[in-house]
Amino acid sequence: MKPLLLATRNKGKLKEIEAILGGGVQLMSLDDYPDAPEVAEDRDTFEGNAIKKAAEVADATGEITLADDSGLEVDTLDGAPGVYSARFSGEGASDESNNE
């Protein structure tokens, strides 16, 4: 069986996807491909970011690749911060600064 490359270096996300897939798939992560490109998540939707990341990583590695993008969409903020969740408190934001 050909492994599936998850386009992330986030170990928590890797565990989450492994649990969803039920262990029937051999998963790899970007940690297995240190030269894989860092893909800018600059699309207007989560779906757009995920498609871009999967395509660029697949092109660079030649592997079947899965990517996702997620964030917070708050109704009272008209869906914000949305795709900007990771940078909500500014460029170079961290989880800690986003939660302040």
Protein backbone atom coordinates (compact mmCIF):
# COMPACT_ATOMS: atom_id res chain seq x y z
CA MET A 1 0.00 0.00 0.00
CA LYS A 2 1.33 3.43 -0.96
CA PRO A 3 1.58 5.76 2.04
CA LEU A 4 -0.39 8.97 2.35
CA LEU A 5 1.53 12.17 3.01
CA LEU A 6 -0.19 14.57 5.36
CA ALA A 7 1.03 18.06 4.49
CA THR A 8 1.79 19.18 8.03
CA ARG A 9 4.54 19.17 10.62
CA ASN A 10 1.93 19.43 13.39
CA LYS A 11 2.15 16.21 15.40
CA GLY A 12 -1.26 16.83 16.96
CA LYS A 13 -2.89 17.11 13.55
CA LEU A 14 -1.12 13.93 12.44
CA LYS A 15 -2.53 12.04 15.46
CA GLU A 16 -5.99 13.45 14.79
CA ILE A 17 -5.97 12.29 11.15
CA GLU A 18 -4.59 8.88 12.16
CA ALA A 19 -7.51 8.49 14.57
CA ILE A 20 -10.03 9.52 11.90
CA LEU A 21 -8.58 7.05 9.39
CA GLY A 22 -8.57 4.24 11.94
CA GLY A 23 -5.01 3.10 11.39
CA GLY A 24 -5.67 1.43 8.04
CA VAL A 25 -3.39 3.84 6.18
CA GLN A 26 0.33 4.40 6.49
CA LEU A 27 0.72 8.13 7.13
CA MET A 28 3.77 10.28 6.65
CA SER A 29 4.19 13.94 7.49
CA LEU A 30 6.35 16.79 6.27
CA ASP A 31 8.84 15.74 8.95
CA ASP A 32 9.62 12.87 6.54
CA TYR A 33 10.35 15.45 3.81
CA PRO A 34 12.47 18.20 5.37
CA ASP A 35 13.07 19.78 1.95
CA ALA A 36 9.37 20.04 1.13
CA PRO A 37 8.31 23.63 0.52
CA GLU A 38 6.60 25.79 3.11
CA VAL A 39 3.36 26.66 1.38
CA ALA A 40 1.87 30.09 1.99
CA GLU A 41 -1.75 29.72 3.04
CA ASP A 42 -2.89 32.82 1.18
CA ARG A 43 -6.23 31.76 -0.27
CA ASP A 44 -9.56 33.24 0.80
CA THR A 45 -11.05 29.95 2.02
CA PHE A 46 -9.98 26.97 4.10
CA GLU A 47 -10.68 24.77 1.09
CA GLY A 48 -8.52 26.93 -1.17
CA ASN A 49 -5.61 26.81 1.27
CA ALA A 50 -5.89 23.03 1.64
CA ILE A 51 -6.03 22.43 -2.11
CA LYS A 52 -3.04 24.71 -2.72
CA LYS A 53 -0.98 23.06 0.01
CA ALA A 54 -1.82 19.51 -1.10
CA ALA A 55 -1.01 20.29 -4.74
CA GLU A 56 2.31 22.03 -4.04
CA VAL A 57 3.50 19.36 -1.60
CA ALA A 58 2.44 16.56 -3.95
CA ASP A 59 4.30 18.22 -6.83
CA ALA A 60 7.44 18.58 -4.69
CA THR A 61 7.42 15.06 -3.22
CA GLY A 62 5.66 12.90 -5.78
CA GLU A 63 3.49 11.47 -2.99
CA ILE A 64 -0.27 11.19 -2.64
CA THR A 65 -0.92 14.14 -0.36
CA LEU A 66 -3.70 15.26 1.96
CA ALA A 67 -3.86 18.74 3.45
CA ASP A 68 -6.35 20.63 5.52
CA ASP A 69 -6.80 24.13 6.79
CA SER A 70 -8.96 25.19 9.67
CA GLY A 71 -9.66 28.09 11.94
CA LEU A 72 -12.31 29.85 13.91
CA GLU A 73 -15.39 31.41 12.37
CA VAL A 74 -17.32 33.48 14.90
CA ASP A 75 -20.89 34.39 13.99
CA THR A 76 -20.86 37.69 15.91
CA LEU A 77 -17.70 38.66 14.01
CA ASP A 78 -19.33 37.85 10.64
CA GLY A 79 -17.21 34.72 10.30
CA ALA A 80 -13.93 36.32 11.34
CA PRO A 81 -11.16 35.52 11.89
CA GLY A 82 -11.69 32.63 9.43
CA VAL A 83 -8.62 31.83 7.33
CA TYR A 84 -6.73 34.49 9.31
CA SER A 85 -7.15 32.67 12.65
CA ALA A 86 -3.46 31.78 12.96
CA ARG A 87 -2.49 35.42 12.37
CA PHE A 88 -5.40 37.01 14.23
CA SER A 89 -3.19 38.94 16.63
CA GLY A 90 -0.76 40.01 13.90
CA GLU A 91 2.15 38.71 11.85
CA GLY A 92 4.32 36.27 13.77
CA ALA A 93 1.41 35.50 16.09
CA SER A 94 1.57 32.52 18.42
CA ASP A 95 -1.18 30.44 19.99
CA GLU A 96 -0.60 32.39 23.19
CA SER A 97 -0.94 35.82 21.59
CA ASN A 98 -4.04 34.75 19.67
CA ASN A 99 -5.67 33.72 22.95
CA GLU A 100 -4.99 37.00 24.75
